[in-house]
Amino acid sequence: MRKKIAIFSLLFAWLCANGALLDAVQVLAWGKMFAGYTQTMSVAEALRETFDPAKPCAMCLGVAEAKETAKQQLPATVERSAEKLLLAYHANAIFVVPHSSTEWPAMLASVAPSRTEEVPVPPPRA
């Protein structure tokens, strides 16, 4: 049970940090609007009314305001990110292996010991 709570908490924190929570609330608002419109209209008309930018619901207005606030706060964090310090830098040495044109000598392969007897195999079990 603790593992599930930890995973859910981590997922929720990640969604909040990425701003995806506002997108999830927007989808929830659209679903709520669509469900309300389908009670009195056809599906096509309900879709048209749901995504009509001239008729936002209270949730859509709240999400738009929150996104605008997040956009206004974004430049302050972008300016601070330019002040990052370089704490350690290690340049790797370039390692180049020269191509050798030598080939494996054929004589050594013919002199190498090889197995002549059969490999012992256990008898099959019934």
N, C-alpha and C. Protein backbone atom coordinates (compact mmCIF):
# COMPACT_ATOMS: atom_id res chain seq x y z
N MET A 1 0.82 -1.19 0.00
CA MET A 1 0.00 0.00 0.00
C MET A 1 0.87 1.26 0.00
N ARG A 2 1.96 1.23 0.77
CA ARG A 2 2.84 2.39 0.82
C ARG A 2 3.49 2.66 -0.53
N LYS A 3 3.80 1.58 -1.25
CA LYS A 3 4.44 1.75 -2.56
C LYS A 3 3.48 2.45 -3.53
N LYS A 4 2.21 2.10 -3.48
CA LYS A 4 1.23 2.73 -4.37
C LYS A 4 1.05 4.21 -4.03
N ILE A 5 1.05 4.52 -2.74
CA ILE A 5 0.93 5.93 -2.34
C ILE A 5 2.15 6.71 -2.78
N ALA A 6 3.33 6.11 -2.63
CA ALA A 6 4.56 6.79 -3.04
C ALA A 6 4.58 7.02 -4.55
N ILE A 7 4.17 6.04 -5.31
CA ILE A 7 4.13 6.18 -6.77
C ILE A 7 3.11 7.25 -7.17
N PHE A 8 1.95 7.23 -6.54
CA PHE A 8 0.93 8.24 -6.87
C PHE A 8 1.43 9.63 -6.50
N SER A 9 2.07 9.77 -5.35
CA SER A 9 2.58 11.08 -4.93
C SER A 9 3.66 11.59 -5.89
N LEU A 10 4.54 10.69 -6.31
CA LEU A 10 5.59 11.07 -7.25
C LEU A 10 4.99 11.49 -8.60
N LEU A 11 4.02 10.74 -9.08
CA LEU A 11 3.35 11.09 -10.33
C LEU A 11 2.64 12.44 -10.24
N PHE A 12 1.97 12.67 -9.13
CA PHE A 12 1.27 13.93 -8.92
C PHE A 12 2.25 15.10 -8.88
N ALA A 13 3.37 14.92 -8.18
CA ALA A 13 4.39 15.98 -8.11
C ALA A 13 4.98 16.25 -9.49
N TRP A 14 5.20 15.20 -10.27
CA TRP A 14 5.74 15.37 -11.62
C TRP A 14 4.76 16.12 -12.51
N LEU A 15 3.47 15.78 -12.39
CA LEU A 15 2.45 16.47 -13.17
C LEU A 15 2.37 17.95 -12.79
N CYS A 16 2.47 18.24 -11.50
CA CYS A 16 2.43 19.63 -11.06
C CYS A 16 3.65 20.40 -11.55
N ALA A 17 4.81 19.77 -11.50
CA ALA A 17 6.04 20.45 -11.91
C ALA A 17 6.06 20.73 -13.40
N ASN A 18 5.49 19.87 -14.20
CA ASN A 18 5.50 20.05 -15.65
C ASN A 18 4.35 20.91 -16.16
N GLY A 19 3.41 21.24 -15.31
CA GLY A 19 2.27 22.03 -15.75
C GLY A 19 1.21 21.19 -16.44
N ALA A 20 1.38 19.89 -16.43
CA ALA A 20 0.41 19.01 -17.08
C ALA A 20 -0.87 18.91 -16.27
N LEU A 21 -0.83 19.32 -15.02
CA LEU A 21 -2.03 19.27 -14.19
C LEU A 21 -3.08 20.25 -14.73
N LEU A 22 -2.63 21.39 -15.23
CA LEU A 22 -3.58 22.34 -15.82
C LEU A 22 -4.21 21.77 -17.09
N ASP A 23 -3.43 21.03 -17.85
CA ASP A 23 -3.99 20.38 -19.05
C ASP A 23 -5.02 19.32 -18.66
N ALA A 24 -4.75 18.59 -17.58
CA ALA A 24 -5.70 17.58 -17.12
C ALA A 24 -6.99 18.24 -16.63
N VAL A 25 -6.88 19.37 -15.94
CA VAL A 25 -8.08 20.10 -15.50
C VAL A 25 -8.85 20.62 -16.70
N GLN A 26 -8.14 21.07 -17.75
CA GLN A 26 -8.82 21.55 -18.96
C GLN A 26 -9.60 20.42 -19.62
N VAL A 27 -9.00 19.23 -19.70
CA VAL A 27 -9.70 18.09 -20.29
C VAL A 27 -10.92 17.73 -19.44
N LEU A 28 -10.77 17.80 -18.12
CA LEU A 28 -11.91 17.54 -17.23
C LEU A 28 -13.02 18.56 -17.48
N ALA A 29 -12.66 19.82 -17.66
CA ALA A 29 -13.67 20.86 -17.93
C ALA A 29 -14.39 20.60 -19.24
N TRP A 30 -13.62 20.23 -20.27
CA TRP A 30 -14.25 19.91 -21.55
C TRP A 30 -15.20 18.72 -21.43
N GLY A 31 -14.80 17.71 -20.68
CA GLY A 31 -15.67 16.55 -20.48
C GLY A 31 -16.95 16.92 -19.75
N LYS A 32 -16.82 17.77 -18.75
CA LYS A 32 -18.00 18.21 -18.00
C LYS A 32 -18.93 19.03 -18.89
N MET A 33 -18.34 19.92 -19.70
CA MET A 33 -19.16 20.73 -20.61
C MET A 33 -19.86 19.84 -21.64
N PHE A 34 -19.11 18.89 -22.20
CA PHE A 34 -19.68 18.00 -23.21
C PHE A 34 -20.82 17.18 -22.63
N ALA A 35 -20.63 16.66 -21.42
CA ALA A 35 -21.69 15.87 -20.78
C ALA A 35 -22.93 16.71 -20.53
N GLY A 36 -22.74 17.96 -20.17
CA GLY A 36 -23.89 18.84 -19.95
C GLY A 36 -24.61 19.18 -21.24
N TYR A 37 -23.84 19.41 -22.30
CA TYR A 37 -24.46 19.77 -23.58
C TYR A 37 -25.16 18.58 -24.24
N THR A 38 -24.66 17.36 -24.04
CA THR A 38 -25.29 16.21 -24.70
C THR A 38 -26.67 15.90 -24.13
N GLN A 39 -27.00 16.45 -22.98
CA GLN A 39 -28.33 16.19 -22.42
C GLN A 39 -29.41 16.94 -23.19
N THR A 40 -29.03 18.02 -23.86
CA THR A 40 -30.04 18.81 -24.58
C THR A 40 -29.77 18.91 -26.08
N MET A 41 -28.57 18.52 -26.55
CA MET A 41 -28.20 18.68 -27.96
C MET A 41 -27.72 17.35 -28.53
N SER A 42 -27.52 17.35 -29.85
CA SER A 42 -26.92 16.18 -30.49
C SER A 42 -25.41 16.18 -30.20
N VAL A 43 -24.75 15.09 -30.51
CA VAL A 43 -23.32 14.96 -30.22
C VAL A 43 -22.51 15.98 -31.02
N ALA A 44 -22.83 16.17 -32.29
CA ALA A 44 -22.09 17.11 -33.13
C ALA A 44 -22.24 18.54 -32.60
N GLU A 45 -23.47 18.92 -32.24
CA GLU A 45 -23.69 20.26 -31.70
C GLU A 45 -23.01 20.43 -30.35
N ALA A 46 -23.02 19.38 -29.54
CA ALA A 46 -22.38 19.44 -28.23
C ALA A 46 -20.87 19.62 -28.37
N LEU A 47 -20.26 18.92 -29.33
CA LEU A 47 -18.83 19.10 -29.58
C LEU A 47 -18.52 20.51 -30.04
N ARG A 48 -19.34 21.03 -30.93
CA ARG A 48 -19.14 22.38 -31.44
C ARG A 48 -19.24 23.40 -30.31
N GLU A 49 -20.24 23.25 -29.44
CA GLU A 49 -20.44 24.18 -28.33
C GLU A 49 -19.33 24.03 -27.27
N THR A 50 -18.87 22.81 -27.07
CA THR A 50 -17.83 22.57 -26.06
C THR A 50 -16.55 23.28 -26.43
N PHE A 51 -16.14 23.20 -27.68
CA PHE A 51 -14.87 23.78 -28.10
C PHE A 51 -15.01 25.17 -28.72
N ASP A 52 -16.15 25.82 -28.50
CA ASP A 52 -16.36 27.19 -28.98
C ASP A 52 -15.61 28.14 -28.05
N PRO A 53 -14.60 28.87 -28.56
CA PRO A 53 -13.82 29.75 -27.68
C PRO A 53 -14.60 30.96 -27.17
N ALA A 54 -15.73 31.25 -27.77
CA ALA A 54 -16.53 32.39 -27.32
C ALA A 54 -17.36 32.07 -26.09
N LYS A 55 -17.50 30.77 -25.75
CA LYS A 55 -18.34 30.37 -24.63
C LYS A 55 -17.56 29.49 -23.64
N PRO A 56 -16.55 30.04 -22.97
CA PRO A 56 -15.81 29.22 -22.00
C PRO A 56 -16.59 29.09 -20.69
N CYS A 57 -16.37 27.98 -20.01
CA CYS A 57 -17.00 27.79 -18.70
C CYS A 57 -16.09 28.40 -17.62
N ALA A 58 -16.53 28.33 -16.38
CA ALA A 58 -15.75 28.91 -15.27
C ALA A 58 -14.42 28.17 -15.10
N MET A 59 -14.43 26.85 -15.29
CA MET A 59 -13.18 26.07 -15.16
C MET A 59 -12.20 26.46 -16.26
N CYS A 60 -12.70 26.64 -17.48
CA CYS A 60 -11.83 27.01 -18.60
C CYS A 60 -11.20 28.38 -18.35
N LEU A 61 -11.97 29.30 -17.80
CA LEU A 61 -11.44 30.62 -17.49
C LEU A 61 -10.37 30.55 -16.40
N GLY A 62 -10.62 29.69 -15.39
CA GLY A 62 -9.64 29.51 -14.32
C GLY A 62 -8.34 28.91 -14.84
N VAL A 63 -8.45 27.92 -15.74
CA VAL A 63 -7.25 27.30 -16.32
C VAL A 63 -6.49 28.30 -17.17
N ALA A 64 -7.20 29.08 -17.96
CA ALA A 64 -6.54 30.09 -18.80
C ALA A 64 -5.81 31.12 -17.94
N GLU A 65 -6.44 31.52 -16.84
CA GLU A 65 -5.81 32.49 -15.94
C GLU A 65 -4.56 31.89 -15.28
N ALA A 66 -4.64 30.62 -14.88
CA ALA A 66 -3.49 29.96 -14.25
C ALA A 66 -2.35 29.80 -15.25
N LYS A 67 -2.66 29.47 -16.50
CA LYS A 67 -1.61 29.35 -17.52
C LYS A 67 -0.97 30.70 -17.80
N GLU A 68 -1.76 31.75 -17.81
CA GLU A 68 -1.21 33.09 -18.04
C GLU A 68 -0.31 33.50 -16.88
N THR A 69 -0.71 33.19 -15.67
CA THR A 69 0.13 33.49 -14.51
C THR A 69 1.44 32.72 -14.59
N ALA A 70 1.37 31.47 -15.01
CA ALA A 70 2.59 30.66 -15.14
C ALA A 70 3.51 31.23 -16.23
N LYS A 71 2.93 31.73 -17.31
CA LYS A 71 3.73 32.34 -18.37
C LYS A 71 4.43 33.60 -17.89
N GLN A 72 3.73 34.38 -17.05
CA GLN A 72 4.33 35.62 -16.54
C GLN A 72 5.48 35.32 -15.58
N GLN A 73 5.40 34.22 -14.88
CA GLN A 73 6.46 33.86 -13.94
C GLN A 73 7.61 33.15 -14.62
N LEU A 74 7.44 32.70 -15.84
CA LEU A 74 8.47 31.94 -16.54
C LEU A 74 9.74 32.73 -16.83
N PRO A 75 9.69 33.98 -17.31
CA PRO A 75 10.95 34.68 -17.61
C PRO A 75 11.86 34.84 -16.40
N ALA A 76 11.33 34.98 -15.20
CA ALA A 76 12.17 35.11 -14.01
C ALA A 76 12.98 33.84 -13.79
N THR A 77 12.39 32.67 -14.04
CA THR A 77 13.13 31.42 -13.86
C THR A 77 14.12 31.20 -14.99
N VAL A 78 13.81 31.71 -16.20
CA VAL A 78 14.72 31.55 -17.32
C VAL A 78 15.98 32.39 -17.09
N GLU A 79 15.83 33.60 -16.53
CA GLU A 79 16.98 34.44 -16.26
C GLU A 79 17.89 33.80 -15.21
N ARG A 80 17.30 33.17 -14.20
CA ARG A 80 18.10 32.52 -13.17
C ARG A 80 18.85 31.31 -13.70
N SER A 81 18.28 30.63 -14.69
CA SER A 81 18.93 29.43 -15.20
C SER A 81 20.21 29.76 -15.97
N ALA A 82 20.35 31.02 -16.42
CA ALA A 82 21.57 31.43 -17.12
C ALA A 82 22.73 31.59 -16.14
N GLU A 83 22.46 31.64 -14.85
CA GLU A 83 23.49 31.82 -13.84
C GLU A 83 24.05 30.50 -13.32
N LYS A 84 23.81 29.41 -14.00
CA LYS A 84 24.30 28.11 -13.54
C LYS A 84 25.82 28.10 -13.50
N LEU A 85 26.34 27.44 -12.49
CA LEU A 85 27.78 27.35 -12.33
C LEU A 85 28.29 26.04 -12.91
N LEU A 86 29.46 26.10 -13.46
CA LEU A 86 30.11 24.91 -13.95
C LEU A 86 31.03 24.42 -12.83
N LEU A 87 30.62 23.37 -12.15
CA LEU A 87 31.37 22.91 -10.99
C LEU A 87 32.54 22.01 -11.37
N ALA A 88 32.37 21.19 -12.35
CA ALA A 88 33.45 20.28 -12.74
C ALA A 88 33.36 20.03 -14.23
N TYR A 89 34.53 19.95 -14.85
CA TYR A 89 34.57 19.67 -16.28
C TYR A 89 35.76 18.77 -16.53
N HIS A 90 35.52 17.69 -17.19
CA HIS A 90 36.59 16.75 -17.51
C HIS A 90 36.53 16.47 -19.01
N ALA A 91 37.57 16.90 -19.71
CA ALA A 91 37.62 16.65 -21.15
C ALA A 91 38.26 15.29 -21.37
N ASN A 92 37.59 14.44 -22.08
CA ASN A 92 38.12 13.12 -22.38
C ASN A 92 39.17 13.21 -23.46
N ALA A 93 40.24 12.44 -23.27
CA ALA A 93 41.28 12.39 -24.29
C ALA A 93 40.76 11.60 -25.49
N ILE A 94 41.12 12.03 -26.66
CA ILE A 94 40.69 11.34 -27.87
C ILE A 94 41.56 10.10 -28.06
N PHE A 95 40.91 8.97 -28.16
CA PHE A 95 41.62 7.71 -28.30
C PHE A 95 41.37 7.19 -29.71
N VAL A 96 42.43 7.08 -30.48
CA VAL A 96 42.31 6.63 -31.87
C VAL A 96 43.10 5.34 -32.01
N VAL A 97 42.46 4.32 -32.55
CA VAL A 97 43.13 3.05 -32.79
C VAL A 97 43.51 3.01 -34.27
N PRO A 98 44.79 2.90 -34.56
CA PRO A 98 45.19 2.84 -35.97
C PRO A 98 44.75 1.51 -36.59
N HIS A 99 44.37 1.58 -37.82
CA HIS A 99 43.95 0.38 -38.54
C HIS A 99 45.18 -0.42 -38.95
N SER A 100 45.20 -1.65 -38.54
CA SER A 100 46.35 -2.48 -38.92
C SER A 100 45.94 -3.39 -40.08
N SER A 101 46.83 -3.55 -40.98
CA SER A 101 46.52 -4.36 -42.16
C SER A 101 46.95 -5.82 -41.96
N THR A 102 47.46 -6.16 -40.81
CA THR A 102 47.87 -7.54 -40.57
C THR A 102 46.65 -8.42 -40.38
N GLU A 103 46.74 -9.62 -40.89
CA GLU A 103 45.64 -10.57 -40.77
C GLU A 103 46.09 -11.72 -39.87
N TRP A 104 45.14 -12.49 -39.44
CA TRP A 104 45.42 -13.64 -38.60
C TRP A 104 46.19 -14.67 -39.42
N PRO A 105 47.29 -15.14 -38.90
CA PRO A 105 48.06 -16.11 -39.69
C PRO A 105 47.31 -17.43 -39.82
N ALA A 106 47.25 -17.94 -41.04
CA ALA A 106 46.51 -19.16 -41.31
C ALA A 106 47.20 -20.38 -40.71
N MET A 107 48.51 -20.37 -40.55
CA MET A 107 49.23 -21.52 -40.02
C MET A 107 48.84 -21.82 -38.58
N LEU A 108 48.65 -20.81 -37.77
CA LEU A 108 48.34 -21.05 -36.37
C LEU A 108 47.00 -21.75 -36.20
N ALA A 109 46.05 -21.42 -37.05
CA ALA A 109 44.74 -22.03 -36.94
C ALA A 109 44.79 -23.51 -37.31
N SER A 110 45.65 -23.90 -38.22
CA SER A 110 45.72 -25.31 -38.61
C SER A 110 46.47 -26.14 -37.58
N VAL A 111 47.33 -25.53 -36.77
CA VAL A 111 48.11 -26.26 -35.77
C VAL A 111 47.37 -26.33 -34.44
N ALA A 112 46.38 -25.53 -34.24
CA ALA A 112 45.68 -25.47 -32.97
C ALA A 112 45.01 -26.80 -32.66
N PRO A 113 44.99 -27.19 -31.38
CA PRO A 113 44.38 -28.48 -31.03
C PRO A 113 42.86 -28.44 -31.25
N SER A 114 42.31 -29.55 -31.67
CA SER A 114 40.87 -29.64 -31.86
C SER A 114 40.39 -30.93 -31.23
N ARG A 115 39.13 -30.96 -30.89
CA ARG A 115 38.55 -32.12 -30.22
C ARG A 115 38.17 -33.15 -31.28
N THR A 116 38.60 -34.37 -31.06
CA THR A 116 38.30 -35.43 -32.01
C THR A 116 37.26 -36.40 -31.48
N GLU A 117 37.18 -36.56 -30.17
CA GLU A 117 36.19 -37.48 -29.61
C GLU A 117 34.84 -36.77 -29.49
N GLU A 118 33.79 -37.56 -29.37
CA GLU A 118 32.45 -37.01 -29.28
C GLU A 118 32.23 -36.39 -27.89
N VAL A 119 31.35 -35.41 -27.85
CA VAL A 119 31.01 -34.76 -26.59
C VAL A 119 30.09 -35.70 -25.83
N PRO A 120 30.40 -35.98 -24.55
CA PRO A 120 29.54 -36.89 -23.77
C PRO A 120 28.18 -36.26 -23.52
N VAL A 121 27.13 -37.01 -23.83
CA VAL A 121 25.76 -36.54 -23.65
C VAL A 121 25.07 -37.50 -22.70
N PRO A 122 24.38 -36.99 -21.69
CA PRO A 122 23.69 -37.91 -20.77
C PRO A 122 22.56 -38.63 -21.50
N PRO A 123 22.24 -39.85 -21.06
CA PRO A 123 21.16 -40.60 -21.73
C PRO A 123 19.81 -39.94 -21.50
N PRO A 124 18.90 -40.06 -22.45
CA PRO A 124 17.59 -39.44 -22.28
C PRO A 124 16.80 -40.10 -21.15
N ARG A 125 16.01 -39.28 -20.46
CA ARG A 125 15.20 -39.80 -19.35
C ARG A 125 13.81 -40.12 -19.87
N ALA A 126 13.26 -41.17 -19.39
CA ALA A 126 11.94 -41.59 -19.85
C ALA A 126 10.84 -41.02 -19.03
